C-alpha cells in the first residue's frame, strides 16, 4: 500500500462543527519558493480556505516556532543540508499529515543535480572557482551540505505527494480541500512531474 493511500479518510482532528479550524504549517527548504507562490496564486480561494484552516507556521506568517501539534504539514524543497534534514524531521514529528509539495520535495529535482558530483567538488566550484574576492569555503553560520540531495520521503515518511514544478494553484486547492473534508486526494489525477 502506498503512503498516499494510507492517508486517513476521517476528517483531521479539529474539523468538527464548532471546533477550531484545521491547522496548517508550511516550510520552504532547498528550492526556489515557486510552490509557495502557487499557493498564493489560489487568489480568492485563499479566503475560502481561511474559513476552514489556520496557517500556524509558514513563510506567510510571523510565527517563529512550529507548534507542538499541527494537522497538516506541507514541505516544499529538497533535503540538501543538515538544517533541511532537521526541519523535515521536526515537521514529521509535529504534523499529523505530511505533504510533499512540488518536484524538489517529491524527487529532489534541480537541487539533486549536484548528486553525481563529489561534495568537495561542489564546494570548490561554488566558493573557490567562481569567486573573485575572499575565496573560502564557509564553515560558520552555513549548514553543512549532505553528501547527496534527497527528496523529503528519503528522510521522513510522507502521506501525500504533489508533483509539479510548481504544482498549479488548482492542484494545491484540490488537495487541501480534500484533506479538510477528510478524503484522500489523488493529486496525480490533476498533475504530474514537471507539470
C-alpha atoms as a PDB file:
ATOM      1  CA  UNK A   1       0.000   0.000   0.000  1.00  0.00           C
ATOM      2  CA  UNK A   2       1.450   3.398  -0.965  1.00  0.00           C
ATOM      3  CA  UNK A   3       1.923   6.177   1.567  1.00  0.00           C
ATOM      4  CA  UNK A   4      -0.606   8.219  -0.380  1.00  0.00           C
ATOM      5  CA  UNK A   5      -3.360   5.601   0.064  1.00  0.00           C
ATOM      6  CA  UNK A   6      -2.676   5.415   3.798  1.00  0.00           C
ATOM      7  CA  UNK A   7      -3.990   8.938   4.451  1.00  0.00           C
ATOM      8  CA  UNK A   8      -6.869   8.748   6.890  1.00  0.00           C
ATOM      9  CA  UNK A   9     -10.308   9.135   5.351  1.00  0.00           C
ATOM     10  CA  UNK A  10     -11.684  10.699   8.527  1.00  0.00           C
ATOM     11  CA  UNK A  11     -11.635  14.480   8.968  1.00  0.00           C
ATOM     12  CA  UNK A  12      -8.475  15.732  10.671  1.00  0.00           C
ATOM     13  CA  UNK A  13      -8.839  16.131  14.456  1.00  0.00           C
ATOM     14  CA  UNK A  14     -10.056  19.731  14.510  1.00  0.00           C
ATOM     15  CA  UNK A  15     -12.544  19.551  11.628  1.00  0.00           C
ATOM     16  CA  UNK A  16     -15.808  19.152  13.524  1.00  0.00           C
ATOM     17  CA  UNK A  17     -18.602  21.711  13.788  1.00  0.00           C
ATOM     18  CA  UNK A  18     -17.919  24.302  16.450  1.00  0.00           C
ATOM     19  CA  UNK A  19     -14.269  23.309  16.889  1.00  0.00           C
ATOM     20  CA  UNK A  20     -11.107  25.123  15.893  1.00  0.00           C
ATOM     21  CA  UNK A  21     -10.005  25.263  12.272  1.00  0.00           C
ATOM     22  CA  UNK A  22      -7.605  22.738  10.799  1.00  0.00           C
ATOM     23  CA  UNK A  23      -4.039  23.853  11.454  1.00  0.00           C
ATOM     24  CA  UNK A  24      -1.538  24.010   8.602  1.00  0.00           C
ATOM     25  CA  UNK A  25       2.208  24.610   8.640  1.00  0.00           C
ATOM     26  CA  UNK A  26       4.331  25.131   5.544  1.00  0.00           C
ATOM     27  CA  UNK A  27       8.064  25.339   5.059  1.00  0.00           C
ATOM     28  CA  UNK A  28      10.403  26.068   2.170  1.00  0.00           C
ATOM     29  CA  UNK A  29      13.637  24.049   2.165  1.00  0.00           C
ATOM     30  CA  UNK A  30      16.076  23.784  -0.790  1.00  0.00           C
ATOM     31  CA  UNK A  31      14.110  25.045  -3.756  1.00  0.00           C
ATOM     32  CA  UNK A  32      13.017  28.234  -5.445  1.00  0.00           C
ATOM     33  CA  UNK A  33       9.819  29.100  -3.478  1.00  0.00           C
ATOM     34  CA  UNK A  34       7.740  28.571  -6.626  1.00  0.00           C
ATOM     35  CA  UNK A  35       5.421  26.145  -4.816  1.00  0.00           C
ATOM     36  CA  UNK A  36       4.663  28.748  -2.162  1.00  0.00           C
ATOM     37  CA  UNK A  37       3.990  31.250  -4.967  1.00  0.00           C
ATOM     38  CA  UNK A  38       1.498  28.758  -6.453  1.00  0.00           C
ATOM     39  CA  UNK A  39      -0.104  28.526  -3.012  1.00  0.00           C
ATOM     40  CA  UNK A  40      -0.619  32.308  -3.136  1.00  0.00           C
ATOM     41  CA  UNK A  41      -1.941  32.011  -6.710  1.00  0.00           C
ATOM     42  CA  UNK A  42      -5.115  30.474  -5.281  1.00  0.00           C
ATOM     43  CA  UNK A  43      -6.203  34.137  -5.082  1.00  0.00           C
ATOM     44  CA  UNK A  44      -9.801  34.473  -3.819  1.00  0.00           C
ATOM     45  CA  UNK A  45      -9.884  30.780  -2.920  1.00  0.00           C
ATOM     46  CA  UNK A  46      -7.495  31.683  -0.084  1.00  0.00           C
ATOM     47  CA  UNK A  47     -10.418  33.491   1.543  1.00  0.00           C
ATOM     48  CA  UNK A  48     -12.474  30.290   1.343  1.00  0.00           C
ATOM     49  CA  UNK A  49      -9.614  28.254   2.795  1.00  0.00           C
ATOM     50  CA  UNK A  50      -9.109  30.803   5.578  1.00  0.00           C
ATOM     51  CA  UNK A  51     -12.613  29.962   6.797  1.00  0.00           C
ATOM     52  CA  UNK A  52     -11.612  26.306   7.169  1.00  0.00           C
ATOM     53  CA  UNK A  53      -7.939  26.338   8.124  1.00  0.00           C
ATOM     54  CA  UNK A  54      -5.449  28.321  10.140  1.00  0.00           C
ATOM     55  CA  UNK A  55      -1.866  28.714   8.861  1.00  0.00           C
ATOM     56  CA  UNK A  56       0.099  28.492  12.119  1.00  0.00           C
ATOM     57  CA  UNK A  57       3.664  28.389  10.732  1.00  0.00           C
ATOM     58  CA  UNK A  58       4.869  29.429   7.291  1.00  0.00           C
ATOM     59  CA  UNK A  59       6.922  31.953   5.342  1.00  0.00           C
ATOM     60  CA  UNK A  60       3.499  33.658   5.002  1.00  0.00           C
ATOM     61  CA  UNK A  61       3.086  34.337   8.743  1.00  0.00           C
ATOM     62  CA  UNK A  62       5.150  35.787  11.591  1.00  0.00           C
ATOM     63  CA  UNK A  63       5.164  32.662  13.784  1.00  0.00           C
ATOM     64  CA  UNK A  64       8.761  31.800  14.641  1.00  0.00           C
ATOM     65  CA  UNK A  65       8.219  28.345  16.169  1.00  0.00           C
ATOM     66  CA  UNK A  66       6.470  25.255  14.872  1.00  0.00           C
ATOM     67  CA  UNK A  67       3.586  24.390  17.235  1.00  0.00           C
ATOM     68  CA  UNK A  68       3.687  21.076  19.102  1.00  0.00           C
ATOM     69  CA  UNK A  69       0.765  19.691  17.107  1.00  0.00           C
ATOM     70  CA  UNK A  70      -0.257  20.607  13.557  1.00  0.00           C
ATOM     71  CA  UNK A  71      -2.921  18.858  11.494  1.00  0.00           C
ATOM     72  CA  UNK A  72      -1.292  19.261   8.050  1.00  0.00           C
ATOM     73  CA  UNK A  73       2.365  19.992   7.328  1.00  0.00           C
ATOM     74  CA  UNK A  74       3.459  20.991   3.833  1.00  0.00           C
ATOM     75  CA  UNK A  75       7.123  20.789   2.830  1.00  0.00           C
ATOM     76  CA  UNK A  76       8.455  22.463  -0.316  1.00  0.00           C
ATOM     77  CA  UNK A  77      12.016  21.773  -1.417  1.00  0.00           C
ATOM     78  CA  UNK A  78      14.555  19.012  -1.137  1.00  0.00           C
ATOM     79  CA  UNK A  79      16.728  17.893   1.767  1.00  0.00           C
ATOM     80  CA  UNK A  80      20.146  19.274   0.868  1.00  0.00           C
ATOM     81  CA  UNK A  81      21.809  20.188   4.154  1.00  0.00           C
ATOM     82  CA  UNK A  82      21.712  19.413   7.878  1.00  0.00           C
ATOM     83  CA  UNK A  83      19.243  22.218   8.566  1.00  0.00           C
ATOM     84  CA  UNK A  84      16.800  20.886   5.921  1.00  0.00           C
ATOM     85  CA  UNK A  85      17.076  17.433   7.486  1.00  0.00           C
ATOM     86  CA  UNK A  86      16.369  18.774  10.979  1.00  0.00           C
ATOM     87  CA  UNK A  87      13.363  20.812   9.791  1.00  0.00           C
ATOM     88  CA  UNK A  88      11.867  17.862   7.881  1.00  0.00           C
ATOM     89  CA  UNK A  89      12.216  15.669  10.973  1.00  0.00           C
ATOM     90  CA  UNK A  90      10.529  18.353  13.122  1.00  0.00           C
ATOM     91  CA  UNK A  91       7.638  18.592  10.667  1.00  0.00           C
ATOM     92  CA  UNK A  92       7.189  14.813  10.668  1.00  0.00           C
ATOM     93  CA  UNK A  93       7.241  14.748  14.457  1.00  0.00           C
ATOM     94  CA  UNK A  94       4.725  17.562  14.897  1.00  0.00           C
ATOM     95  CA  UNK A  95       2.393  17.166  11.880  1.00  0.00           C
ATOM     96  CA  UNK A  96      -0.367  14.559  11.703  1.00  0.00           C
ATOM     97  CA  UNK A  97      -0.319  14.503   7.882  1.00  0.00           C
ATOM     98  CA  UNK A  98       2.769  15.431   5.883  1.00  0.00           C
ATOM     99  CA  UNK A  99       2.522  16.702   2.303  1.00  0.00           C
ATOM    100  CA  UNK A 100       5.484  16.774  -0.087  1.00  0.00           C
ATOM    101  CA  UNK A 101       4.813  19.788  -2.355  1.00  0.00           C
ATOM    102  CA  UNK A 102       6.492  20.096  -5.738  1.00  0.00           C
ATOM    103  CA  UNK A 103       9.109  18.214  -7.696  1.00  0.00           C
ATOM    104  CA  UNK A 104      12.026  19.213  -5.443  1.00  0.00           C
ATOM    105  CA  UNK A 105      10.242  17.747  -2.407  1.00  0.00           C
ATOM    106  CA  UNK A 106       8.928  14.728  -4.335  1.00  0.00           C
ATOM    107  CA  UNK A 107      12.133  13.678  -6.136  1.00  0.00           C
ATOM    108  CA  UNK A 108      14.965  16.157  -5.453  1.00  0.00           C
ATOM    109  CA  UNK A 109      14.613  17.823  -8.872  1.00  0.00           C
ATOM    110  CA  UNK A 110      17.037  20.703  -9.630  1.00  0.00           C
ATOM    111  CA  UNK A 111      18.875  20.701  -6.257  1.00  0.00           C
ATOM    112  CA  UNK A 112      19.638  16.991  -6.801  1.00  0.00           C
ATOM    113  CA  UNK A 113      21.547  17.808  -9.994  1.00  0.00           C
ATOM    114  CA  UNK A 114      24.642  18.047  -7.786  1.00  0.00           C
ATOM    115  CA  UNK A 115      24.333  14.385  -6.734  1.00  0.00           C
ATOM    116  CA  UNK A 116      26.648  12.955  -9.444  1.00  0.00           C
ATOM    117  CA  UNK A 117      29.493  15.175  -8.197  1.00  0.00           C
ATOM    118  CA  UNK A 118      31.669  14.697  -5.142  1.00  0.00           C
ATOM    119  CA  UNK A 119      30.765  17.090  -2.346  1.00  0.00           C
ATOM    120  CA  UNK A 120      34.300  18.523  -2.272  1.00  0.00           C
ATOM    121  CA  UNK A 121      33.983  19.411  -5.978  1.00  0.00           C
ATOM    122  CA  UNK A 122      30.665  21.150  -5.351  1.00  0.00           C
ATOM    123  CA  UNK A 123      32.181  23.309  -2.598  1.00  0.00           C
ATOM    124  CA  UNK A 124      35.235  24.149  -4.694  1.00  0.00           C
ATOM    125  CA  UNK A 125      33.139  25.120  -7.721  1.00  0.00           C
ATOM    126  CA  UNK A 126      30.779  27.330  -5.695  1.00  0.00           C
ATOM    127  CA  UNK A 127      33.167  29.009  -3.279  1.00  0.00           C
ATOM    128  CA  UNK A 128      36.604  28.955  -4.910  1.00  0.00           C
ATOM    129  CA  UNK A 129      36.430  28.669  -8.700  1.00  0.00           C
ATOM    130  CA  UNK A 130      33.511  31.093  -9.171  1.00  0.00           C
ATOM    131  CA  UNK A 131      34.583  33.741  -6.654  1.00  0.00           C
ATOM    132  CA  UNK A 132      36.916  36.666  -7.342  1.00  0.00           C
ATOM    133  CA  UNK A 133      37.180  38.147  -3.839  1.00  0.00           C
ATOM    134  CA  UNK A 134      37.643  36.423  -0.476  1.00  0.00           C
ATOM    135  CA  UNK A 135      37.726  32.865  -1.799  1.00  0.00           C
ATOM    136  CA  UNK A 136      36.906  30.473   1.042  1.00  0.00           C
ATOM    137  CA  UNK A 137      34.605  27.611   1.842  1.00  0.00           C
ATOM    138  CA  UNK A 138      32.309  28.850   4.624  1.00  0.00           C
ATOM    139  CA  UNK A 139      32.120  26.889   7.849  1.00  0.00           C
ATOM    140  CA  UNK A 140      30.427  29.287  10.292  1.00  0.00           C
ATOM    141  CA  UNK A 141      26.736  30.058  10.029  1.00  0.00           C
ATOM    142  CA  UNK A 142      26.186  27.913   6.947  1.00  0.00           C
ATOM    143  CA  UNK A 143      24.557  24.492   7.355  1.00  0.00           C
ATOM    144  CA  UNK A 144      26.755  21.643   6.165  1.00  0.00           C
ATOM    145  CA  UNK A 145      25.653  20.068   2.892  1.00  0.00           C
ATOM    146  CA  UNK A 146      24.610  16.422   2.937  1.00  0.00           C
ATOM    147  CA  UNK A 147      26.595  14.078   0.680  1.00  0.00           C
ATOM    148  CA  UNK A 148      23.564  13.804  -1.610  1.00  0.00           C
ATOM    149  CA  UNK A 149      20.309  15.724  -2.001  1.00  0.00           C
ATOM    150  CA  UNK A 150      17.268  13.681  -1.037  1.00  0.00           C
ATOM    151  CA  UNK A 151      13.536  14.044  -1.602  1.00  0.00           C
ATOM    152  CA  UNK A 152      11.506  14.546   1.580  1.00  0.00           C
ATOM    153  CA  UNK A 153      10.387  10.892   1.651  1.00  0.00           C
ATOM    154  CA  UNK A 154      14.065   9.933   1.577  1.00  0.00           C
ATOM    155  CA  UNK A 155      14.387  11.096   5.190  1.00  0.00           C
ATOM    156  CA  UNK A 156      10.852  11.012   6.695  1.00  0.00           C
ATOM    157  CA  UNK A 157       7.528   9.332   5.949  1.00  0.00           C
ATOM    158  CA  UNK A 158       5.248  11.361   3.662  1.00  0.00           C
ATOM    159  CA  UNK A 159       1.464  10.946   3.414  1.00  0.00           C
ATOM    160  CA  UNK A 160       0.624  12.913   0.243  1.00  0.00           C
ATOM    161  CA  UNK A 161       2.827  13.663  -2.791  1.00  0.00           C
ATOM    162  CA  UNK A 162       2.019  16.644  -5.050  1.00  0.00           C
ATOM    163  CA  UNK A 163       4.364  16.700  -8.060  1.00  0.00           C
ATOM    164  CA  UNK A 164       4.759  19.698 -10.354  1.00  0.00           C
ATOM    165  CA  UNK A 165       7.292  22.433 -10.899  1.00  0.00           C
ATOM    166  CA  UNK A 166       5.486  24.149  -9.395  1.00  0.00           C
ATOM    167  CA  UNK A 167       2.117  22.452  -8.905  1.00  0.00           C
ATOM    168  CA  UNK A 168      -0.692  24.681 -10.172  1.00  0.00           C
ATOM    169  CA  UNK A 169      -2.824  26.552  -7.642  1.00  0.00           C
ATOM    170  CA  UNK A 170      -5.821  24.414  -8.707  1.00  0.00           C
ATOM    171  CA  UNK A 171      -3.970  21.262  -7.635  1.00  0.00           C
ATOM    172  CA  UNK A 172      -2.977  22.689  -4.244  1.00  0.00           C
ATOM    173  CA  UNK A 173      -6.538  23.903  -3.627  1.00  0.00           C
ATOM    174  CA  UNK A 174      -7.933  20.493  -4.584  1.00  0.00           C
ATOM    175  CA  UNK A 175      -5.557  18.631  -2.235  1.00  0.00           C
ATOM    176  CA  UNK A 176      -6.226  20.950   0.706  1.00  0.00           C
ATOM    177  CA  UNK A 177      -9.987  20.814   0.134  1.00  0.00           C
ATOM    178  CA  UNK A 178      -9.927  17.023   0.038  1.00  0.00           C
ATOM    179  CA  UNK A 179      -7.821  16.793   3.202  1.00  0.00           C
ATOM    180  CA  UNK A 180     -10.056  19.289   5.026  1.00  0.00           C
ATOM    181  CA  UNK A 181     -13.080  17.190   4.043  1.00  0.00           C
ATOM    182  CA  UNK A 182     -11.372  14.060   5.371  1.00  0.00           C
ATOM    183  CA  UNK A 183     -10.927  12.487   1.949  1.00  0.00           C
ATOM    184  CA  UNK A 184      -7.782  11.042   0.411  1.00  0.00           C
ATOM    185  CA  UNK A 185      -6.742  13.277  -2.505  1.00  0.00           C
ATOM    186  CA  UNK A 186      -5.419  11.908  -5.789  1.00  0.00           C
ATOM    187  CA  UNK A 187      -3.037  14.661  -6.953  1.00  0.00           C
ATOM    188  CA  UNK A 188      -1.867  12.554  -9.911  1.00  0.00           C
ATOM    189  CA  UNK A 189      -5.335  12.925 -11.429  1.00  0.00           C
ATOM    190  CA  UNK A 190      -4.525  16.635 -11.872  1.00  0.00           C
ATOM    191  CA  UNK A 191      -0.748  16.944 -12.195  1.00  0.00           C
ATOM    192  CA  UNK A 192       2.469  15.090 -12.905  1.00  0.00           C
ATOM    193  CA  UNK A 193       6.215  15.515 -12.576  1.00  0.00           C
ATOM    194  CA  UNK A 194       7.345  18.661 -14.344  1.00  0.00           C
ATOM    195  CA  UNK A 195       3.812  19.969 -14.861  1.00  0.00           C
END
